[in-house]
């Protein structure tokens, strides 16, 4: 039996990991938008109210931790 995992907004995580995440990374040049690192990249949501390309930011883990303080 296949399990489907959903995040809080109901987006299928498999679809996110296989389609959305790689597309966002490619559109944002596969690097952290703050320091330029190309390692350990995360997608940061600037807003959970509106989720579109303008509210998503590519950050390395170090810079991402800095946004959550």
N, C-alpha and C. Protein backbone atom coordinates (compact mmCIF):
# COMPACT_ATOMS: atom_id res chain seq x y z
N UNK A 1 0.83 -1.18 0.00
CA UNK A 1 0.00 0.00 0.00
C UNK A 1 0.89 1.25 0.00
N UNK A 2 0.61 2.17 -0.89
CA UNK A 2 1.37 3.42 -0.99
C UNK A 2 0.83 4.42 0.02
N UNK A 3 1.75 5.05 0.75
CA UNK A 3 1.35 6.09 1.69
C UNK A 3 1.60 7.44 1.04
N UNK A 4 0.68 8.36 1.25
CA UNK A 4 0.84 9.72 0.76
C UNK A 4 0.97 10.63 1.96
N UNK A 5 2.06 11.38 1.99
CA UNK A 5 2.31 12.29 3.09
C UNK A 5 2.04 13.72 2.64
N UNK A 6 1.35 14.46 3.47
CA UNK A 6 0.99 15.83 3.12
C UNK A 6 1.61 16.80 4.11
N UNK A 7 2.00 17.97 3.63
CA UNK A 7 2.43 19.01 4.56
C UNK A 7 1.21 19.78 5.04
N UNK A 8 1.39 20.83 5.79
CA UNK A 8 0.27 21.55 6.38
C UNK A 8 -0.66 22.18 5.36
N UNK A 9 -0.17 22.53 4.20
CA UNK A 9 -1.01 23.14 3.18
C UNK A 9 -1.63 22.10 2.24
N UNK A 10 -1.39 20.83 2.49
CA UNK A 10 -2.01 19.80 1.68
C UNK A 10 -1.26 19.46 0.40
N UNK A 11 -0.04 19.95 0.24
CA UNK A 11 0.75 19.63 -0.94
C UNK A 11 1.42 18.29 -0.71
N UNK A 12 1.28 17.41 -1.67
CA UNK A 12 1.90 16.09 -1.58
C UNK A 12 3.41 16.26 -1.52
N UNK A 13 4.05 15.73 -0.48
CA UNK A 13 5.49 15.92 -0.30
C UNK A 13 6.32 15.27 -1.40
N UNK A 14 5.84 14.19 -1.95
CA UNK A 14 6.57 13.56 -3.06
C UNK A 14 6.60 14.52 -4.25
N UNK A 15 5.46 15.12 -4.55
CA UNK A 15 5.38 16.10 -5.64
C UNK A 15 6.29 17.29 -5.34
N UNK A 16 6.28 17.75 -4.08
CA UNK A 16 7.15 18.87 -3.68
C UNK A 16 8.62 18.52 -3.92
N UNK A 17 9.05 17.35 -3.42
CA UNK A 17 10.46 16.95 -3.50
C UNK A 17 10.91 16.62 -4.92
N UNK A 18 10.02 16.08 -5.73
CA UNK A 18 10.42 15.65 -7.07
C UNK A 18 10.20 16.72 -8.14
N UNK A 19 9.29 17.66 -7.89
CA UNK A 19 8.94 18.63 -8.93
C UNK A 19 9.14 20.08 -8.48
N UNK A 20 8.49 20.47 -7.41
CA UNK A 20 8.51 21.88 -7.01
C UNK A 20 9.90 22.30 -6.53
N UNK A 21 10.49 21.56 -5.59
CA UNK A 21 11.78 21.95 -5.02
C UNK A 21 12.87 22.10 -6.09
N UNK A 22 13.05 21.09 -6.98
CA UNK A 22 14.08 21.25 -8.02
C UNK A 22 13.82 22.43 -8.96
N UNK A 23 12.55 22.71 -9.22
CA UNK A 23 12.22 23.84 -10.09
C UNK A 23 12.58 25.16 -9.42
N UNK A 24 12.25 25.31 -8.14
CA UNK A 24 12.59 26.53 -7.40
C UNK A 24 14.10 26.71 -7.35
N UNK A 25 14.82 25.64 -7.04
CA UNK A 25 16.28 25.72 -6.97
C UNK A 25 16.87 26.17 -8.32
N UNK A 26 16.36 25.60 -9.39
CA UNK A 26 16.86 25.95 -10.72
C UNK A 26 16.55 27.41 -11.05
N UNK A 27 15.33 27.85 -10.77
CA UNK A 27 14.94 29.23 -11.05
C UNK A 27 15.74 30.24 -10.24
N UNK A 28 16.18 29.82 -9.05
CA UNK A 28 16.93 30.72 -8.17
C UNK A 28 18.44 30.44 -8.25
N UNK A 29 18.88 29.80 -9.34
CA UNK A 29 20.30 29.57 -9.65
C UNK A 29 21.03 28.61 -8.71
N UNK A 30 20.31 27.74 -8.05
CA UNK A 30 20.92 26.71 -7.19
C UNK A 30 21.93 27.26 -6.20
N UNK A 31 21.62 28.41 -5.61
CA UNK A 31 22.52 28.96 -4.59
C UNK A 31 21.73 29.77 -3.57
N UNK A 32 22.32 29.91 -2.40
CA UNK A 32 21.72 30.68 -1.32
C UNK A 32 21.58 32.14 -1.76
N UNK A 33 20.41 32.69 -1.56
CA UNK A 33 20.16 34.07 -1.98
C UNK A 33 20.79 35.09 -1.04
N UNK A 34 21.32 34.65 0.09
CA UNK A 34 21.99 35.57 1.01
C UNK A 34 23.50 35.52 0.85
N UNK A 35 24.09 34.31 0.97
CA UNK A 35 25.56 34.22 0.97
C UNK A 35 26.14 33.60 -0.31
N UNK A 36 25.30 33.03 -1.16
CA UNK A 36 25.77 32.46 -2.41
C UNK A 36 26.24 31.01 -2.32
N UNK A 37 26.15 30.39 -1.15
CA UNK A 37 26.57 29.00 -1.00
C UNK A 37 25.72 28.09 -1.87
N UNK A 38 26.33 27.01 -2.35
CA UNK A 38 25.61 26.02 -3.15
C UNK A 38 25.42 24.71 -2.39
N UNK A 39 25.72 24.72 -1.09
CA UNK A 39 25.63 23.49 -0.29
C UNK A 39 24.48 23.58 0.70
N UNK A 40 23.85 22.44 0.97
CA UNK A 40 22.81 22.30 1.99
C UNK A 40 21.70 23.34 1.82
N UNK A 41 21.09 23.36 0.65
CA UNK A 41 20.08 24.37 0.34
C UNK A 41 18.69 23.96 0.82
N UNK A 42 17.98 24.92 1.38
CA UNK A 42 16.60 24.77 1.84
C UNK A 42 15.74 25.77 1.08
N UNK A 43 14.44 25.49 1.05
CA UNK A 43 13.49 26.45 0.51
C UNK A 43 12.80 27.10 1.71
N UNK A 44 12.91 28.41 1.82
CA UNK A 44 12.32 29.16 2.92
C UNK A 44 11.05 29.84 2.44
N UNK A 45 9.99 29.69 3.23
CA UNK A 45 8.72 30.37 2.93
C UNK A 45 8.71 31.70 3.66
N UNK A 46 8.71 32.79 2.92
CA UNK A 46 8.60 34.11 3.56
C UNK A 46 7.21 34.32 4.12
N UNK A 47 6.22 33.66 3.53
CA UNK A 47 4.84 33.78 3.97
C UNK A 47 4.14 32.45 3.76
N UNK A 48 3.41 32.01 4.76
CA UNK A 48 2.61 30.80 4.59
C UNK A 48 1.20 31.16 4.11
N UNK A 49 0.87 32.43 4.12
CA UNK A 49 -0.44 32.88 3.65
C UNK A 49 -0.51 32.79 2.11
N UNK A 50 0.50 33.35 1.45
CA UNK A 50 0.59 33.30 0.00
C UNK A 50 1.81 32.48 -0.36
N UNK A 51 1.61 31.37 -1.04
CA UNK A 51 2.76 30.57 -1.45
C UNK A 51 2.86 30.60 -2.97
N UNK A 52 3.80 31.40 -3.44
CA UNK A 52 4.11 31.43 -4.86
C UNK A 52 5.60 31.69 -4.99
N UNK A 53 6.08 31.78 -6.20
CA UNK A 53 7.52 31.92 -6.44
C UNK A 53 8.09 33.15 -5.73
N UNK A 54 7.29 34.18 -5.56
CA UNK A 54 7.77 35.40 -4.92
C UNK A 54 7.91 35.28 -3.41
N UNK A 55 7.28 34.29 -2.80
CA UNK A 55 7.37 34.13 -1.35
C UNK A 55 8.31 33.01 -0.95
N UNK A 56 8.96 32.39 -1.93
CA UNK A 56 9.91 31.31 -1.65
C UNK A 56 11.33 31.83 -1.86
N UNK A 57 12.21 31.46 -0.96
CA UNK A 57 13.60 31.92 -1.02
C UNK A 57 14.52 30.72 -0.82
N UNK A 58 15.57 30.63 -1.62
CA UNK A 58 16.56 29.56 -1.47
C UNK A 58 17.63 30.05 -0.50
N UNK A 59 17.81 29.30 0.59
CA UNK A 59 18.80 29.64 1.61
C UNK A 59 19.60 28.41 1.99
N UNK A 60 20.89 28.61 2.29
CA UNK A 60 21.68 27.51 2.85
C UNK A 60 21.19 27.31 4.29
N UNK A 61 21.52 26.20 4.88
CA UNK A 61 21.02 25.92 6.24
C UNK A 61 21.46 26.96 7.26
N UNK A 62 22.69 27.47 7.12
CA UNK A 62 23.19 28.49 8.06
C UNK A 62 22.35 29.75 7.97
N UNK A 63 22.10 30.24 6.77
CA UNK A 63 21.31 31.45 6.60
C UNK A 63 19.84 31.20 6.96
N UNK A 64 19.35 30.00 6.68
CA UNK A 64 17.97 29.65 7.01
C UNK A 64 17.76 29.69 8.53
N UNK A 65 18.73 29.17 9.27
CA UNK A 65 18.64 29.22 10.75
C UNK A 65 18.58 30.66 11.21
N UNK A 66 19.30 31.55 10.55
CA UNK A 66 19.30 32.96 10.92
C UNK A 66 17.96 33.65 10.72
N UNK A 67 17.14 33.15 9.82
CA UNK A 67 15.83 33.76 9.58
C UNK A 67 14.80 33.31 10.61
N UNK A 68 15.10 32.27 11.36
CA UNK A 68 14.13 31.70 12.29
C UNK A 68 14.34 32.14 13.73
N UNK A 69 15.15 33.17 13.93
CA UNK A 69 15.41 33.66 15.30
C UNK A 69 14.41 34.71 15.69
